[in-house]
Amino acid sequence: MSSTRSTALALIAQYGGDAETIAMLRAAEYAALGDVQGLADWDAIIADIQRLDLDGPGAAALN
């Protein structure tokens, strides 16, 4: 399992439906710092959260 997917699953477990918002806030922090790699990492985490959400209810718990 990739580290971005692990982080996405951890955020979903902790924040539920707010996981994407939390990840976006974190990405914004990296963007404000000018940390391009950190921003790219958080963008990948956001994409994983969205992908897991598209898999349907409870999908994050099953993956």
Protein backbone atom coordinates (compact mmCIF):
# COMPACT_ATOMS: atom_id res chain seq x y z
CA MET A 1 0.00 0.00 0.00
CA SER A 2 1.35 3.42 -0.89
CA SER A 3 2.06 5.97 1.80
CA THR A 4 -0.43 8.40 0.24
CA ARG A 5 -3.13 5.74 0.39
CA SER A 6 -2.24 4.93 3.99
CA THR A 7 -2.46 8.60 4.88
CA ALA A 8 -5.78 8.93 3.04
CA LEU A 9 -7.20 5.95 4.95
CA ALA A 10 -5.93 7.35 8.27
CA LEU A 11 -7.56 10.72 7.56
CA ILE A 12 -10.83 9.03 6.61
CA ALA A 13 -10.73 6.93 9.78
CA GLN A 14 -10.08 10.01 11.93
CA TYR A 15 -12.19 12.66 10.21
CA GLY A 16 -14.76 10.72 8.18
CA GLY A 17 -16.49 12.95 5.64
CA ASP A 18 -14.25 15.88 6.56
CA ALA A 19 -11.06 14.05 5.52
CA GLU A 20 -10.85 15.75 2.13
CA THR A 21 -11.28 19.19 3.71
CA ILE A 22 -8.54 18.48 6.25
CA ALA A 23 -6.22 17.31 3.47
CA MET A 24 -6.98 20.43 1.43
CA LEU A 25 -6.12 22.64 4.39
CA ARG A 26 -2.84 20.80 4.81
CA ALA A 27 -2.09 21.16 1.08
CA ALA A 28 -2.78 24.89 1.36
CA GLU A 29 -0.22 25.14 4.17
CA TYR A 30 2.44 23.59 1.95
CA ALA A 31 1.44 25.83 -0.96
CA ALA A 32 1.76 28.91 1.25
CA LEU A 33 5.25 27.79 2.23
CA GLY A 34 6.20 27.27 -1.41
CA ASP A 35 6.89 23.58 -0.76
CA VAL A 36 6.16 22.13 -4.19
CA GLN A 37 6.90 18.52 -3.21
CA GLY A 38 4.81 18.72 -0.04
CA LEU A 39 1.94 20.18 -2.07
CA ALA A 40 2.26 17.40 -4.65
CA ASP A 41 2.19 14.78 -1.88
CA TRP A 42 -0.98 16.25 -0.37
CA ASP A 43 -2.58 16.56 -3.81
CA ALA A 44 -1.96 12.81 -4.22
CA ILE A 45 -3.54 12.16 -0.81
CA ILE A 46 -6.58 14.23 -1.81
CA ALA A 47 -6.88 12.23 -5.03
CA ASP A 48 -6.74 8.98 -3.02
CA ILE A 49 -9.47 10.25 -0.68
CA GLN A 50 -11.64 11.13 -3.67
CA ARG A 51 -10.95 7.76 -5.29
CA LEU A 52 -11.87 5.92 -2.09
CA ASP A 53 -15.04 8.00 -1.82
CA LEU A 54 -16.02 6.99 -5.36
CA ASP A 55 -15.69 3.34 -4.39
CA GLY A 56 -18.82 3.79 -2.29
CA PRO A 57 -19.88 3.74 1.35
CA GLY A 58 -17.60 1.73 3.55
CA ALA A 59 -15.04 1.31 0.78
CA ALA A 60 -12.25 2.84 2.84
CA ALA A 61 -12.79 0.26 5.57
CA LEU A 62 -12.59 -2.56 3.06
CA ASN A 63 -9.38 -1.45 1.32
